[in-house]
N, C-alpha and C. Protein backbone atom coordinates (compact mmCIF):
# COMPACT_ATOMS: atom_id res chain seq x y z
N SER A 1 7.24 -16.45 20.00
CA SER A 1 5.79 -16.39 20.08
C SER A 1 5.33 -15.05 20.67
N LYS A 2 6.12 -14.52 21.62
CA LYS A 2 5.77 -13.24 22.25
C LYS A 2 5.78 -12.11 21.22
N GLN A 3 6.81 -12.14 20.33
CA GLN A 3 6.89 -11.12 19.29
C GLN A 3 5.72 -11.24 18.31
N LEU A 4 5.33 -12.46 17.99
CA LEU A 4 4.19 -12.66 17.09
C LEU A 4 2.91 -12.12 17.72
N HIS A 5 2.70 -12.41 19.00
CA HIS A 5 1.51 -11.91 19.69
C HIS A 5 1.48 -10.38 19.67
N SER A 6 2.64 -9.77 19.84
CA SER A 6 2.74 -8.31 19.81
C SER A 6 2.42 -7.78 18.41
N ALA A 7 2.95 -8.44 17.39
CA ALA A 7 2.68 -8.03 16.00
C ALA A 7 1.20 -8.21 15.66
N VAL A 8 0.60 -9.28 16.17
CA VAL A 8 -0.84 -9.51 15.94
C VAL A 8 -1.64 -8.39 16.59
N ALA A 9 -1.25 -7.99 17.79
CA ALA A 9 -1.94 -6.90 18.48
C ALA A 9 -1.85 -5.60 17.68
N ASN A 10 -0.78 -5.46 16.90
CA ASN A 10 -0.61 -4.29 16.04
C ASN A 10 -1.21 -4.48 14.65
N LYS A 11 -2.03 -5.51 14.51
CA LYS A 11 -2.77 -5.79 13.26
C LYS A 11 -1.88 -6.12 12.07
N ASP A 12 -0.78 -6.84 12.32
CA ASP A 12 0.12 -7.27 11.26
C ASP A 12 -0.44 -8.56 10.65
N PRO A 13 -0.94 -8.51 9.39
CA PRO A 13 -1.58 -9.69 8.81
C PRO A 13 -0.65 -10.88 8.63
N ARG A 14 0.62 -10.61 8.37
CA ARG A 14 1.58 -11.70 8.22
C ARG A 14 1.76 -12.44 9.54
N ALA A 15 1.85 -11.67 10.62
CA ALA A 15 1.97 -12.28 11.95
C ALA A 15 0.71 -13.06 12.30
N MET A 16 -0.45 -12.51 11.93
CA MET A 16 -1.71 -13.22 12.18
C MET A 16 -1.72 -14.56 11.47
N PHE A 17 -1.25 -14.57 10.23
CA PHE A 17 -1.23 -15.80 9.45
C PHE A 17 -0.32 -16.84 10.10
N TYR A 18 0.90 -16.44 10.45
CA TYR A 18 1.84 -17.40 11.01
C TYR A 18 1.43 -17.87 12.41
N LEU A 19 0.90 -16.96 13.23
CA LEU A 19 0.43 -17.37 14.55
C LEU A 19 -0.79 -18.29 14.40
N GLY A 20 -1.65 -17.96 13.45
CA GLY A 20 -2.81 -18.83 13.18
C GLY A 20 -2.38 -20.23 12.79
N ASP A 21 -1.37 -20.31 11.93
CA ASP A 21 -0.84 -21.61 11.52
C ASP A 21 -0.26 -22.37 12.73
N MET A 22 0.40 -21.64 13.62
CA MET A 22 0.96 -22.27 14.82
C MET A 22 -0.15 -22.85 15.69
N TYR A 23 -1.25 -22.10 15.83
CA TYR A 23 -2.38 -22.59 16.63
C TYR A 23 -3.03 -23.82 15.98
N ILE A 24 -3.14 -23.81 14.68
CA ILE A 24 -3.75 -24.94 13.98
C ILE A 24 -2.91 -26.20 14.19
N LYS A 25 -1.59 -26.05 14.10
CA LYS A 25 -0.69 -27.21 14.19
C LYS A 25 -0.20 -27.49 15.61
N GLY A 26 -0.39 -26.53 16.52
CA GLY A 26 0.10 -26.72 17.89
C GLY A 26 1.60 -26.55 18.02
N TYR A 27 2.20 -25.72 17.16
CA TYR A 27 3.65 -25.46 17.22
C TYR A 27 3.94 -24.30 18.17
N GLY A 28 4.55 -24.58 19.31
CA GLY A 28 4.94 -23.53 20.24
C GLY A 28 3.81 -22.93 21.05
N VAL A 29 2.60 -23.37 20.78
CA VAL A 29 1.41 -22.89 21.50
C VAL A 29 0.49 -24.09 21.72
N ILE A 30 -0.47 -23.93 22.60
CA ILE A 30 -1.46 -24.99 22.80
C ILE A 30 -2.34 -25.03 21.55
N LYS A 31 -2.47 -26.22 20.97
CA LYS A 31 -3.23 -26.40 19.73
C LYS A 31 -4.66 -25.89 19.91
N ASN A 32 -5.06 -25.01 18.98
CA ASN A 32 -6.40 -24.44 19.01
C ASN A 32 -6.79 -24.07 17.57
N PRO A 33 -7.25 -25.06 16.78
CA PRO A 33 -7.57 -24.82 15.37
C PRO A 33 -8.59 -23.71 15.14
N LYS A 34 -9.56 -23.60 16.01
CA LYS A 34 -10.59 -22.56 15.84
C LYS A 34 -9.97 -21.16 15.94
N LYS A 35 -9.12 -20.97 16.93
CA LYS A 35 -8.43 -19.70 17.10
C LYS A 35 -7.49 -19.45 15.91
N GLY A 36 -6.81 -20.51 15.46
CA GLY A 36 -5.91 -20.38 14.32
C GLY A 36 -6.63 -19.95 13.06
N GLU A 37 -7.76 -20.58 12.78
CA GLU A 37 -8.52 -20.23 11.58
C GLU A 37 -9.07 -18.81 11.67
N SER A 38 -9.45 -18.40 12.86
CA SER A 38 -9.94 -17.04 13.06
C SER A 38 -8.85 -16.02 12.75
N LEU A 39 -7.63 -16.28 13.20
CA LEU A 39 -6.51 -15.38 12.92
C LEU A 39 -6.18 -15.34 11.42
N ILE A 40 -6.22 -16.50 10.79
CA ILE A 40 -5.92 -16.54 9.35
C ILE A 40 -7.00 -15.81 8.55
N LEU A 41 -8.26 -15.95 8.96
CA LEU A 41 -9.34 -15.22 8.29
C LEU A 41 -9.16 -13.71 8.45
N LYS A 42 -8.74 -13.27 9.63
CA LYS A 42 -8.49 -11.83 9.85
C LYS A 42 -7.37 -11.36 8.92
N ALA A 43 -6.32 -12.17 8.79
CA ALA A 43 -5.20 -11.82 7.90
C ALA A 43 -5.68 -11.74 6.45
N ALA A 44 -6.55 -12.67 6.06
CA ALA A 44 -7.09 -12.67 4.70
C ALA A 44 -7.92 -11.42 4.45
N LYS A 45 -8.73 -11.05 5.43
CA LYS A 45 -9.57 -9.85 5.29
C LYS A 45 -8.73 -8.58 5.22
N LEU A 46 -7.53 -8.63 5.81
CA LEU A 46 -6.61 -7.49 5.74
C LEU A 46 -5.80 -7.49 4.45
N GLY A 47 -6.04 -8.49 3.57
CA GLY A 47 -5.43 -8.51 2.25
C GLY A 47 -4.15 -9.31 2.12
N TYR A 48 -3.83 -10.14 3.10
CA TYR A 48 -2.60 -10.94 3.03
C TYR A 48 -2.82 -12.14 2.11
N GLY A 49 -2.13 -12.15 0.97
CA GLY A 49 -2.32 -13.15 -0.09
C GLY A 49 -2.24 -14.61 0.36
N PRO A 50 -1.18 -15.01 1.10
CA PRO A 50 -1.12 -16.40 1.54
C PRO A 50 -2.31 -16.81 2.42
N ALA A 51 -2.81 -15.88 3.21
CA ALA A 51 -3.98 -16.17 4.04
C ALA A 51 -5.22 -16.32 3.16
N GLN A 52 -5.32 -15.50 2.12
CA GLN A 52 -6.44 -15.61 1.19
C GLN A 52 -6.41 -16.95 0.47
N LEU A 53 -5.22 -17.40 0.07
CA LEU A 53 -5.08 -18.72 -0.55
C LEU A 53 -5.53 -19.81 0.43
N TYR A 54 -5.08 -19.71 1.67
CA TYR A 54 -5.44 -20.69 2.70
C TYR A 54 -6.96 -20.76 2.87
N ILE A 55 -7.59 -19.60 3.00
CA ILE A 55 -9.06 -19.55 3.20
C ILE A 55 -9.77 -20.10 1.96
N GLY A 56 -9.27 -19.74 0.78
CA GLY A 56 -9.86 -20.25 -0.46
C GLY A 56 -9.79 -21.76 -0.54
N ARG A 57 -8.64 -22.31 -0.21
CA ARG A 57 -8.49 -23.78 -0.21
C ARG A 57 -9.39 -24.43 0.83
N ASP A 58 -9.51 -23.78 1.98
CA ASP A 58 -10.36 -24.32 3.05
C ASP A 58 -11.81 -24.40 2.57
N PHE A 59 -12.29 -23.34 1.93
CA PHE A 59 -13.66 -23.35 1.41
C PHE A 59 -13.82 -24.40 0.30
N LEU A 60 -12.78 -24.57 -0.51
CA LEU A 60 -12.85 -25.52 -1.62
C LEU A 60 -12.81 -26.96 -1.14
N TYR A 61 -11.82 -27.29 -0.34
CA TYR A 61 -11.58 -28.69 0.02
C TYR A 61 -12.30 -29.16 1.28
N ASN A 62 -12.50 -28.28 2.24
CA ASN A 62 -13.07 -28.70 3.52
C ASN A 62 -14.53 -28.32 3.70
N LYS A 63 -14.92 -27.20 3.10
CA LYS A 63 -16.29 -26.72 3.32
C LYS A 63 -17.17 -26.88 2.09
N ASN A 64 -16.57 -27.37 1.00
CA ASN A 64 -17.32 -27.64 -0.24
C ASN A 64 -18.14 -26.44 -0.72
N ASN A 65 -17.55 -25.25 -0.63
CA ASN A 65 -18.21 -24.03 -1.05
C ASN A 65 -17.34 -23.36 -2.12
N VAL A 66 -17.58 -23.74 -3.37
CA VAL A 66 -16.73 -23.29 -4.46
C VAL A 66 -16.87 -21.80 -4.73
N SER A 67 -18.09 -21.27 -4.63
CA SER A 67 -18.26 -19.85 -4.93
C SER A 67 -17.49 -18.99 -3.92
N GLU A 68 -17.52 -19.35 -2.65
CA GLU A 68 -16.76 -18.61 -1.63
C GLU A 68 -15.27 -18.87 -1.81
N ALA A 69 -14.91 -20.08 -2.19
CA ALA A 69 -13.50 -20.40 -2.45
C ALA A 69 -12.96 -19.50 -3.56
N LEU A 70 -13.71 -19.34 -4.63
CA LEU A 70 -13.25 -18.53 -5.75
C LEU A 70 -13.09 -17.06 -5.37
N VAL A 71 -13.93 -16.56 -4.48
CA VAL A 71 -13.78 -15.17 -4.02
C VAL A 71 -12.39 -14.98 -3.42
N TRP A 72 -12.00 -15.89 -2.52
CA TRP A 72 -10.71 -15.77 -1.84
C TRP A 72 -9.55 -16.13 -2.75
N LEU A 73 -9.72 -17.16 -3.57
CA LEU A 73 -8.65 -17.56 -4.48
C LEU A 73 -8.34 -16.46 -5.49
N LYS A 74 -9.36 -15.80 -6.00
CA LYS A 74 -9.14 -14.72 -6.96
C LYS A 74 -8.40 -13.55 -6.32
N LYS A 75 -8.70 -13.28 -5.04
CA LYS A 75 -7.99 -12.20 -4.35
C LYS A 75 -6.50 -12.52 -4.29
N SER A 76 -6.18 -13.76 -3.93
CA SER A 76 -4.78 -14.17 -3.86
C SER A 76 -4.15 -14.23 -5.25
N ALA A 77 -4.90 -14.74 -6.22
CA ALA A 77 -4.41 -14.85 -7.60
C ALA A 77 -4.10 -13.48 -8.18
N THR A 78 -4.93 -12.50 -7.88
CA THR A 78 -4.73 -11.14 -8.37
C THR A 78 -3.44 -10.54 -7.82
N LYS A 79 -3.05 -10.99 -6.64
CA LYS A 79 -1.80 -10.52 -6.03
C LYS A 79 -0.59 -11.27 -6.61
N GLY A 80 -0.84 -12.24 -7.50
CA GLY A 80 0.25 -12.94 -8.17
C GLY A 80 0.59 -14.31 -7.62
N ASP A 81 -0.25 -14.86 -6.73
CA ASP A 81 0.04 -16.18 -6.20
C ASP A 81 -0.21 -17.24 -7.27
N VAL A 82 0.85 -17.93 -7.67
CA VAL A 82 0.77 -18.89 -8.77
C VAL A 82 -0.16 -20.06 -8.43
N GLN A 83 -0.15 -20.51 -7.18
CA GLN A 83 -1.03 -21.63 -6.80
C GLN A 83 -2.50 -21.23 -6.90
N ALA A 84 -2.81 -20.01 -6.48
CA ALA A 84 -4.19 -19.53 -6.57
C ALA A 84 -4.60 -19.36 -8.04
N GLN A 85 -3.68 -18.86 -8.86
CA GLN A 85 -3.97 -18.70 -10.29
C GLN A 85 -4.25 -20.06 -10.93
N LEU A 86 -3.42 -21.04 -10.60
CA LEU A 86 -3.60 -22.39 -11.15
C LEU A 86 -4.93 -23.00 -10.69
N LEU A 87 -5.27 -22.83 -9.42
CA LEU A 87 -6.54 -23.36 -8.92
C LEU A 87 -7.73 -22.71 -9.61
N CYS A 88 -7.71 -21.38 -9.72
CA CYS A 88 -8.81 -20.68 -10.40
C CYS A 88 -8.93 -21.18 -11.84
N GLY A 89 -7.82 -21.20 -12.54
CA GLY A 89 -7.83 -21.64 -13.93
C GLY A 89 -8.32 -23.06 -14.08
N SER A 90 -7.87 -23.93 -13.19
CA SER A 90 -8.26 -25.34 -13.26
C SER A 90 -9.74 -25.54 -12.97
N LEU A 91 -10.26 -24.81 -12.00
CA LEU A 91 -11.70 -24.92 -11.70
C LEU A 91 -12.54 -24.55 -12.92
N TYR A 92 -12.17 -23.45 -13.57
CA TYR A 92 -12.91 -23.03 -14.76
C TYR A 92 -12.65 -23.94 -15.95
N PHE A 93 -11.43 -24.44 -16.05
CA PHE A 93 -11.04 -25.32 -17.15
C PHE A 93 -11.89 -26.60 -17.16
N TYR A 94 -11.99 -27.23 -15.99
CA TYR A 94 -12.71 -28.50 -15.90
C TYR A 94 -14.21 -28.32 -15.67
N GLY A 95 -14.60 -27.14 -15.21
CA GLY A 95 -16.02 -26.94 -14.90
C GLY A 95 -16.47 -27.84 -13.77
N HIS A 96 -15.55 -28.16 -12.87
CA HIS A 96 -15.87 -29.02 -11.73
C HIS A 96 -16.38 -28.16 -10.59
N LEU A 97 -17.63 -28.35 -10.22
CA LEU A 97 -18.30 -27.62 -9.15
C LEU A 97 -18.53 -26.14 -9.47
N VAL A 98 -18.18 -25.73 -10.66
CA VAL A 98 -18.39 -24.36 -11.12
C VAL A 98 -18.67 -24.44 -12.62
N LYS A 99 -19.39 -23.46 -13.15
CA LYS A 99 -19.70 -23.47 -14.58
C LYS A 99 -18.39 -23.38 -15.39
N LYS A 100 -18.26 -24.28 -16.36
CA LYS A 100 -17.07 -24.29 -17.22
C LYS A 100 -17.01 -22.95 -17.96
N ASP A 101 -15.83 -22.33 -17.92
CA ASP A 101 -15.64 -21.01 -18.52
C ASP A 101 -14.21 -20.96 -19.06
N LEU A 102 -14.07 -21.29 -20.34
CA LEU A 102 -12.73 -21.40 -20.93
C LEU A 102 -12.02 -20.05 -21.04
N LYS A 103 -12.78 -18.97 -21.14
CA LYS A 103 -12.15 -17.64 -21.19
C LYS A 103 -11.50 -17.32 -19.84
N SER A 104 -12.23 -17.59 -18.75
CA SER A 104 -11.67 -17.37 -17.41
C SER A 104 -10.53 -18.35 -17.14
N ALA A 105 -10.70 -19.59 -17.60
CA ALA A 105 -9.64 -20.59 -17.44
C ALA A 105 -8.36 -20.09 -18.12
N GLU A 106 -8.50 -19.62 -19.35
CA GLU A 106 -7.34 -19.13 -20.09
C GLU A 106 -6.68 -17.95 -19.36
N HIS A 107 -7.49 -17.02 -18.84
CA HIS A 107 -6.97 -15.85 -18.13
C HIS A 107 -6.06 -16.27 -16.96
N TRP A 108 -6.59 -17.13 -16.09
CA TRP A 108 -5.84 -17.51 -14.89
C TRP A 108 -4.69 -18.47 -15.20
N LEU A 109 -4.92 -19.40 -16.13
CA LEU A 109 -3.85 -20.33 -16.49
C LEU A 109 -2.68 -19.61 -17.16
N LYS A 110 -2.98 -18.60 -17.96
CA LYS A 110 -1.92 -17.83 -18.62
C LYS A 110 -1.06 -17.12 -17.57
N LYS A 111 -1.70 -16.56 -16.55
CA LYS A 111 -0.94 -15.89 -15.49
C LYS A 111 -0.03 -16.87 -14.75
N ALA A 112 -0.56 -18.05 -14.45
CA ALA A 112 0.24 -19.07 -13.75
C ALA A 112 1.36 -19.59 -14.67
N ALA A 113 1.04 -19.78 -15.95
CA ALA A 113 2.03 -20.28 -16.91
C ALA A 113 3.18 -19.29 -17.06
N GLU A 114 2.86 -18.00 -17.06
CA GLU A 114 3.90 -16.98 -17.19
C GLU A 114 4.85 -16.98 -16.00
N GLN A 115 4.39 -17.53 -14.88
CA GLN A 115 5.25 -17.63 -13.69
C GLN A 115 5.97 -18.97 -13.61
N GLY A 116 5.81 -19.78 -14.67
CA GLY A 116 6.56 -21.02 -14.75
C GLY A 116 5.82 -22.28 -14.33
N SER A 117 4.52 -22.19 -14.08
CA SER A 117 3.77 -23.39 -13.71
C SER A 117 3.64 -24.31 -14.92
N VAL A 118 4.30 -25.45 -14.86
CA VAL A 118 4.27 -26.41 -15.96
C VAL A 118 2.85 -26.96 -16.14
N LEU A 119 2.17 -27.23 -15.05
CA LEU A 119 0.80 -27.73 -15.14
C LEU A 119 -0.11 -26.71 -15.82
N ALA A 120 0.05 -25.44 -15.50
CA ALA A 120 -0.74 -24.39 -16.15
C ALA A 120 -0.39 -24.33 -17.64
N GLN A 121 0.89 -24.47 -17.97
CA GLN A 121 1.32 -24.45 -19.37
C GLN A 121 0.69 -25.61 -20.14
N PHE A 122 0.66 -26.78 -19.51
CA PHE A 122 0.07 -27.97 -20.13
C PHE A 122 -1.43 -27.75 -20.37
N ARG A 123 -2.15 -27.27 -19.35
CA ARG A 123 -3.59 -27.05 -19.50
C ARG A 123 -3.88 -25.97 -20.52
N LEU A 124 -3.06 -24.95 -20.54
CA LEU A 124 -3.21 -23.86 -21.50
C LEU A 124 -3.01 -24.38 -22.92
N ALA A 125 -2.00 -25.21 -23.11
CA ALA A 125 -1.73 -25.78 -24.44
C ALA A 125 -2.91 -26.63 -24.90
N SER A 126 -3.54 -27.34 -23.98
CA SER A 126 -4.67 -28.18 -24.37
C SER A 126 -5.91 -27.35 -24.75
N LEU A 127 -5.95 -26.10 -24.32
CA LEU A 127 -7.03 -25.20 -24.74
C LEU A 127 -6.91 -24.85 -26.23
N TYR A 128 -5.67 -24.82 -26.71
CA TYR A 128 -5.41 -24.38 -28.07
C TYR A 128 -5.37 -25.53 -29.07
N HIS A 129 -5.50 -26.77 -28.59
CA HIS A 129 -5.43 -27.92 -29.51
C HIS A 129 -6.74 -28.66 -29.54
């Protein structure tokens, strides 16, 4: 934990993400979800893909803010995160809480499918049939 705190002080986004997760779950530190989320948001703002995925999911599932979720999910998806690509593609595919956009759905699902996501491959195939 001491090394992580030192890395966080040096603005290491990966360390921020992992220490943030520790605070959220109370692993090795006193549980402090607010502090944890703050660290993860800082990591996301510094461009760390897994943190961007985390923030995107948080906006989607916990804060019910799809437009803000898509901002963060697209950042992570652009870095190649298959889960973020699948989420972006699925949101556009179903048009759930966002305007249905099959061109955007195809774009993101194709990226996830190319990385081996079977669910993305299935959804992509249903676009063509």
